[in-house]
Amino acid sequence: MRIVQLEGDFVVPGMRRPAFAHDWVEYGQTRPDEVVERLAGAAIALINKVRLDAATLDRLPDLKMIAVAATGTNCVDLAACKARGIVVSNIRGYAVHTVPEHVMSLLLALTRNLVAWRETVIAGGWQKSGQWCLFDHPIRDLHGATLGLIGGGTLGNGVARLAEAFGMRVLRAERKGATTVRAGYTAFDDVLAQADAISLHCPLTPETQGLIGETELRAMRASALLINTARGGIVDEAALVRALREGWIGGAGFDVLTAEPPAADHPLLDPALLALPNFLLTPHVAWSSRPAMQTLADQLVDNIEAFAAGTPRNRVA
């Protein structure tokens, strides 16, 4: 069985190999124009963000399984895989600690104005002040604040647990546009209006594309924070730029962008925007603590072994 890893740079180096006879071929990274050639004759493809659409799958008649080294599967045409009998399995629960901790790190950095305070010290503000304590930048507590969660699952639940440990009130948002509100949930618009911070934890689908746009940003509190460790396309980035520059919201912490890696002229990479103390951007690293990466790599091989044994697991197609 020929197994081809197209994006080996994004899992743990030296990950264990499946415990059955196979031919393993690994590439660190793969460009779109290299996909078909590299997967020719492969029964199993390991991918992370490489796109496998219907046209590409039509050229890969030997492909039987796609093992996605991530939870999100929007890079794969699942309908086309189902029609062709190709099994698609993803990774689940591996980032249950690292992503929630990253969310809380962004929240803490923004509410306590850590970037601005760091810049003050670098500029010599404390040293020259003649005071033992400065009051240049406002500091807020998480305790007593309201956190709105849009999307749930293990990551949203993990964030909820940490937020409650800090003494935050957690509101789980009902689906946007829903006519009824489930028990334990709050209407989408009410969450926007009440939350001091909103954290996104939904997959990128046609329904969630642009879920947070100008209307939603303007509906948030002027002091509210928007945290996105999910997918870039969930937020209208042009609207976010305006929201930050014009003060519609209090700030934002993002770990994802619509295009990754972003072009040098991406609007959220504008030096003036990045210089704002109320905007933090990290390069899609919330998932990548060493323990989480090891769990991902182990589960990836588990999925492949289960498929080879005739008992596919973590199936999304």
Protein backbone atom coordinates (compact mmCIF):
# COMPACT_ATOMS: atom_id res chain seq x y z
CA MET A 1 0.00 0.00 0.00
CA ARG A 2 1.53 3.28 -1.13
CA ILE A 3 1.18 6.12 1.40
CA VAL A 4 2.19 9.66 0.44
CA GLN A 5 2.67 12.41 3.00
CA LEU A 6 2.35 15.74 1.18
CA GLU A 7 3.00 18.09 4.13
CA GLY A 8 5.43 16.41 6.47
CA ASP A 9 6.78 19.71 7.77
CA PHE A 10 3.58 20.25 9.74
CA VAL A 11 3.59 17.16 11.95
CA VAL A 12 6.07 15.81 14.49
CA PRO A 13 9.38 14.95 12.81
CA GLY A 14 10.08 11.24 12.88
CA MET A 15 6.45 10.26 13.52
CA ARG A 16 5.94 6.51 13.78
CA ARG A 17 5.00 4.57 10.67
CA PRO A 18 1.89 2.39 10.29
CA ALA A 19 2.25 -1.17 11.57
CA PHE A 20 1.49 -2.91 8.28
CA ALA A 21 3.39 -3.45 5.05
CA HIS A 22 3.48 -0.22 3.08
CA ASP A 23 5.53 2.07 0.87
CA TRP A 24 5.95 5.45 2.59
CA VAL A 25 6.85 8.56 0.58
CA GLU A 26 7.18 11.91 2.33
CA TYR A 27 7.41 15.49 1.13
CA GLY A 28 7.91 18.47 3.43
CA GLN A 29 5.59 20.75 1.50
CA THR A 30 3.66 20.41 -1.74
CA ARG A 31 2.54 23.06 -4.22
CA PRO A 32 -0.87 22.73 -5.91
CA ASP A 33 0.75 21.92 -9.25
CA GLU A 34 2.68 19.01 -7.67
CA VAL A 35 -0.26 17.22 -6.04
CA VAL A 36 -1.35 14.91 -8.87
CA GLU A 37 2.17 13.84 -9.80
CA ARG A 38 3.11 13.08 -6.20
CA LEU A 39 -0.09 11.19 -5.43
CA ALA A 40 0.01 9.08 -8.60
CA GLY A 41 -0.47 5.45 -7.56
CA ALA A 42 -1.04 6.32 -3.89
CA ALA A 43 -3.75 4.53 -1.94
CA ILE A 44 -3.52 6.89 1.04
CA ALA A 45 -2.77 10.61 1.03
CA LEU A 46 -1.72 12.51 4.16
CA ILE A 47 -2.50 16.20 3.91
CA ASN A 48 -2.98 19.24 6.10
CA LYS A 49 -3.99 22.25 3.98
CA VAL A 50 -3.34 21.01 0.43
CA ARG A 51 -6.58 21.21 -1.55
CA LEU A 52 -8.06 18.05 -3.04
CA ASP A 53 -11.02 19.04 -5.20
CA ALA A 54 -13.15 16.95 -7.55
CA ALA A 55 -11.01 17.68 -10.60
CA THR A 56 -7.87 16.56 -8.75
CA LEU A 57 -9.55 13.42 -7.42
CA ASP A 58 -10.63 12.49 -10.95
CA ARG A 59 -6.93 12.18 -11.81
CA LEU A 60 -6.17 9.91 -8.83
CA PRO A 61 -8.03 6.65 -9.49
CA ASP A 62 -5.94 4.66 -6.98
CA LEU A 63 -6.70 6.90 -4.03
CA LYS A 64 -8.72 5.13 -1.33
CA MET A 65 -8.18 7.28 1.76
CA ILE A 66 -7.35 10.87 2.67
CA ALA A 67 -5.93 11.27 6.17
CA VAL A 68 -6.23 14.93 7.14
CA ALA A 69 -3.70 16.03 9.75
CA ALA A 70 -6.14 18.57 11.19
CA THR A 71 -9.70 18.85 12.42
CA GLY A 72 -10.93 21.15 9.65
CA THR A 73 -11.57 19.45 6.31
CA ASN A 74 -12.66 22.39 4.15
CA CYS A 75 -9.62 21.72 1.93
CA VAL A 76 -11.21 18.45 0.73
CA ASP A 77 -14.26 18.08 -1.50
CA LEU A 78 -16.14 15.70 0.78
CA ALA A 79 -19.05 15.21 -1.62
CA ALA A 80 -16.64 14.17 -4.37
CA CYS A 81 -14.92 11.76 -1.98
CA LYS A 82 -18.23 10.20 -0.99
CA ALA A 83 -19.20 9.76 -4.62
CA ARG A 84 -15.89 8.03 -5.34
CA GLY A 85 -15.86 5.89 -2.21
CA ILE A 86 -12.80 7.64 -0.79
CA VAL A 87 -12.62 7.55 3.01
CA VAL A 88 -11.70 10.86 4.66
CA SER A 89 -10.63 10.88 8.31
CA ASN A 90 -9.66 13.86 10.43
CA ILE A 91 -8.01 14.52 13.80
CA ARG A 92 -10.12 15.20 16.87
CA GLY A 93 -9.49 16.40 20.38
CA TYR A 94 -5.72 16.84 19.99
CA ALA A 95 -5.71 20.60 20.72
CA VAL A 96 -8.09 20.48 23.67
CA HIS A 97 -5.55 22.22 25.93
CA THR A 98 -3.30 24.22 23.65
CA VAL A 99 -5.97 26.18 21.72
CA PRO A 100 -7.98 27.18 24.83
CA GLU A 101 -4.75 28.28 26.51
CA HIS A 102 -3.89 30.39 23.46
CA VAL A 103 -7.35 31.97 23.54
CA MET A 104 -6.91 32.89 27.20
CA SER A 105 -3.41 34.21 26.48
CA LEU A 106 -4.80 36.57 23.85
CA LEU A 107 -7.59 37.65 26.17
CA LEU A 108 -5.21 38.30 29.04
CA ALA A 109 -2.72 40.18 26.87
CA LEU A 110 -5.48 42.42 25.51
CA THR A 111 -7.40 43.05 28.72
CA ARG A 112 -4.25 43.79 30.68
CA ASN A 113 -2.69 45.83 27.85
CA LEU A 114 0.54 43.85 28.00
CA VAL A 115 1.81 45.01 24.61
CA ALA A 116 1.40 48.68 25.49
CA TRP A 117 3.06 48.18 28.87
CA ARG A 118 5.97 46.36 27.27
CA GLU A 119 6.44 49.22 24.79
CA THR A 120 6.34 51.73 27.64
CA VAL A 121 9.18 49.94 29.42
CA ILE A 122 11.20 49.57 26.19
CA ALA A 123 10.80 53.32 25.56
CA GLY A 124 12.05 54.10 29.06
CA GLY A 125 8.72 55.40 30.32
CA TRP A 126 8.91 53.68 33.68
CA GLN A 127 12.56 54.44 34.20
CA LYS A 128 12.06 58.17 33.56
CA SER A 129 8.76 58.56 35.40
CA GLY A 130 10.02 58.91 38.95
CA GLN A 131 7.09 56.73 40.04
CA TRP A 132 6.95 53.16 41.30
CA CYS A 133 3.74 52.52 39.32
CA LEU A 134 2.36 53.90 36.06
CA PHE A 135 -1.22 54.42 34.92
CA ASP A 136 -0.71 55.12 31.22
CA HIS A 137 -2.73 52.18 29.90
CA PRO A 138 -6.04 50.86 31.27
CA ILE A 139 -6.20 47.34 32.71
CA ARG A 140 -9.35 45.24 32.88
CA ASP A 141 -10.05 42.00 34.73
CA LEU A 142 -11.45 38.86 33.18
CA HIS A 143 -13.24 38.16 36.44
CA GLY A 144 -16.85 39.32 36.13
CA ALA A 145 -16.65 39.82 32.36
CA THR A 146 -18.91 38.01 29.88
CA LEU A 147 -17.43 35.71 27.23
CA GLY A 148 -19.51 34.77 24.20
CA LEU A 149 -18.67 31.49 22.48
CA ILE A 150 -19.63 31.08 18.85
CA GLY A 151 -19.21 27.39 18.05
CA GLY A 152 -18.51 24.68 20.56
CA GLY A 153 -16.96 21.23 20.48
CA THR A 154 -13.96 20.27 22.55
CA LEU A 155 -12.17 23.57 21.93
CA GLY A 156 -15.12 25.76 22.82
CA ASN A 157 -15.77 23.64 25.89
CA GLY A 158 -12.11 23.93 26.88
CA VAL A 159 -12.26 27.71 26.59
CA ALA A 160 -15.47 27.75 28.64
CA ARG A 161 -13.80 25.79 31.46
CA LEU A 162 -10.82 28.14 31.61
CA ALA A 163 -12.99 31.24 31.34
CA GLU A 164 -15.20 30.08 34.20
CA ALA A 165 -12.11 29.39 36.27
CA PHE A 166 -11.21 33.06 35.81
CA GLY A 167 -14.67 34.01 37.04
CA MET A 168 -16.11 34.87 33.65
CA ARG A 169 -19.77 34.47 32.70
CA VAL A 170 -19.99 32.29 29.58
CA LEU A 171 -22.73 32.61 26.96
CA ARG A 172 -23.00 30.00 24.21
CA ALA A 173 -24.38 31.54 21.03
CA GLU A 174 -27.23 29.91 19.16
CA ARG A 175 -26.76 29.60 15.41
CA LYS A 176 -27.03 32.86 13.54
CA GLY A 177 -30.55 33.36 12.21
CA ALA A 178 -32.03 30.47 14.21
CA THR A 179 -35.76 30.85 14.91
CA THR A 180 -35.56 28.95 18.20
CA VAL A 181 -32.95 28.96 20.96
CA ARG A 182 -31.81 25.66 22.45
CA ALA A 183 -31.62 25.14 26.20
CA GLY A 184 -28.27 26.37 27.49
CA TYR A 185 -27.79 28.73 24.53
CA THR A 186 -28.36 32.45 24.01
CA ALA A 187 -29.65 34.10 20.85
CA PHE A 188 -26.81 35.04 18.49
CA ASP A 189 -27.65 38.75 18.46
CA ASP A 190 -27.95 38.84 22.25
CA VAL A 191 -24.47 37.37 22.61
CA LEU A 192 -23.06 40.07 20.35
CA ALA A 193 -24.75 42.75 22.44
CA GLN A 194 -23.84 41.39 25.88
CA ALA A 195 -20.33 39.93 25.51
CA ASP A 196 -17.18 41.68 26.68
CA ALA A 197 -15.25 39.21 24.53
CA ILE A 198 -16.24 36.80 21.79
CA SER A 199 -14.27 33.68 20.87
CA LEU A 200 -14.88 31.80 17.61
CA HIS A 201 -14.80 27.99 17.52
CA CYS A 202 -16.77 26.95 14.45
CA PRO A 203 -15.51 25.26 11.29
CA LEU A 204 -15.29 27.16 8.02
CA THR A 205 -18.29 26.14 5.92
CA PRO A 206 -20.49 27.93 3.38
CA GLU A 207 -22.76 28.80 6.33
CA THR A 208 -19.97 30.30 8.46
CA GLN A 209 -18.10 32.10 5.67
CA GLY A 210 -18.21 35.78 6.63
CA LEU A 211 -20.23 34.97 9.76
CA ILE A 212 -18.78 38.04 11.47
CA GLY A 213 -19.03 41.05 9.19
CA GLU A 214 -19.66 44.76 9.52
CA THR A 215 -23.17 44.28 10.91
CA GLU A 216 -21.96 41.93 13.63
CA LEU A 217 -18.91 44.02 14.50
CA ARG A 218 -21.04 47.13 14.86
CA ALA A 219 -23.46 45.19 17.07
CA MET A 220 -20.68 44.35 19.54
CA ARG A 221 -19.84 46.55 22.50
CA ALA A 222 -17.34 49.31 21.76
CA SER A 223 -15.07 47.80 24.42
CA ALA A 224 -15.52 44.16 23.31
CA LEU A 225 -12.71 41.90 22.12
CA LEU A 226 -12.92 39.45 19.21
CA ILE A 227 -10.76 36.31 19.38
CA ASN A 228 -10.38 34.01 16.38
CA THR A 229 -8.37 30.80 16.60
CA ALA A 230 -10.75 28.95 14.24
CA ARG A 231 -10.53 29.90 10.56
CA GLY A 232 -9.81 33.21 8.85
CA GLY A 233 -12.77 33.21 6.49
CA ILE A 234 -15.24 33.26 9.36
CA VAL A 235 -14.54 36.98 9.78
CA ASP A 236 -14.77 39.64 7.07
CA GLU A 237 -11.21 40.91 7.31
CA ALA A 238 -11.88 44.22 5.54
CA ALA A 239 -14.62 44.96 8.06
CA LEU A 240 -12.30 43.99 10.92
CA VAL A 241 -9.67 46.46 9.73
CA ARG A 242 -12.26 49.24 9.78
CA ALA A 243 -13.55 48.11 13.17
CA LEU A 244 -10.08 48.38 14.69
CA ARG A 245 -9.17 51.66 13.03
CA GLU A 246 -12.50 53.34 13.73
CA GLY A 247 -13.05 51.92 17.20
CA TRP A 248 -16.20 49.85 16.63
CA ILE A 249 -14.76 47.24 19.00
CA GLY A 250 -12.16 47.28 21.76
CA GLY A 251 -9.63 45.02 20.10
CA ALA A 252 -8.95 41.66 18.49
CA GLY A 253 -6.65 38.67 18.86
CA PHE A 254 -6.29 36.50 15.74
CA ASP A 255 -4.31 33.34 15.03
CA VAL A 256 -5.74 32.74 11.55
CA LEU A 257 -6.16 34.59 8.27
CA THR A 258 -8.17 33.89 5.13
CA ALA A 259 -4.97 33.33 3.13
CA GLU A 260 -2.11 31.44 4.78
CA PRO A 261 0.66 32.25 4.41
CA PRO A 262 -0.57 35.79 3.80
CA ALA A 263 0.75 38.06 1.09
CA ALA A 264 2.96 40.91 2.26
CA ASP A 265 0.19 43.38 1.46
CA HIS A 266 -2.52 41.56 3.43
CA PRO A 267 -4.64 44.23 5.14
CA LEU A 268 -4.16 42.73 8.61
CA LEU A 269 -0.39 42.93 8.15
CA ASP A 270 -0.41 46.70 7.70
CA PRO A 271 2.41 47.93 9.98
CA ALA A 272 0.16 50.66 11.37
CA LEU A 273 -2.45 48.07 12.31
CA LEU A 274 0.09 45.68 13.82
CA ALA A 275 1.44 48.56 15.90
CA LEU A 276 -1.91 48.97 17.66
CA PRO A 277 -1.71 47.64 21.23
CA ASN A 278 -5.28 46.28 20.95
CA PHE A 279 -4.58 44.00 17.97
CA LEU A 280 -2.58 40.80 18.31
CA LEU A 281 -1.84 38.49 15.39
CA THR A 282 -0.06 35.15 15.73
CA PRO A 283 0.86 32.91 12.76
CA HIS A 284 -1.59 29.99 13.18
CA VAL A 285 0.27 28.52 16.13
CA ALA A 286 -2.49 28.07 18.70
CA TRP A 287 -2.65 24.34 17.91
CA SER A 288 1.06 23.63 17.92
CA SER A 289 2.25 22.95 21.44
CA ARG A 290 4.62 19.97 21.43
CA PRO A 291 2.20 17.67 23.32
CA ALA A 292 -0.63 18.57 20.93
CA MET A 293 1.52 17.91 17.87
CA GLN A 294 2.51 14.49 19.23
CA THR A 295 -1.14 13.63 19.87
CA LEU A 296 -1.98 14.70 16.32
CA ALA A 297 0.78 12.57 14.81
CA ASP A 298 -0.21 9.50 16.83
CA GLN A 299 -3.88 9.87 15.95
CA LEU A 300 -3.03 10.35 12.28
CA VAL A 301 -1.30 6.98 12.17
CA ASP A 302 -4.11 5.41 14.23
CA ASN A 303 -6.58 6.57 11.55
CA ILE A 304 -4.48 5.03 8.79
CA GLU A 305 -4.10 1.74 10.63
CA ALA A 306 -7.84 1.59 11.31
CA PHE A 307 -8.57 2.14 7.62
CA ALA A 308 -6.12 -0.60 6.60
CA ALA A 309 -7.80 -2.96 9.09
CA GLY A 310 -11.19 -2.29 7.51
CA THR A 311 -12.54 -0.28 10.43
CA PRO A 312 -12.14 3.41 9.48
CA ARG A 313 -12.34 5.89 12.35
CA ASN A 314 -12.87 9.66 12.63
CA ARG A 315 -14.67 9.57 9.29
CA VAL A 316 -16.04 12.73 7.75
CA ALA A 317 -16.63 11.03 4.38
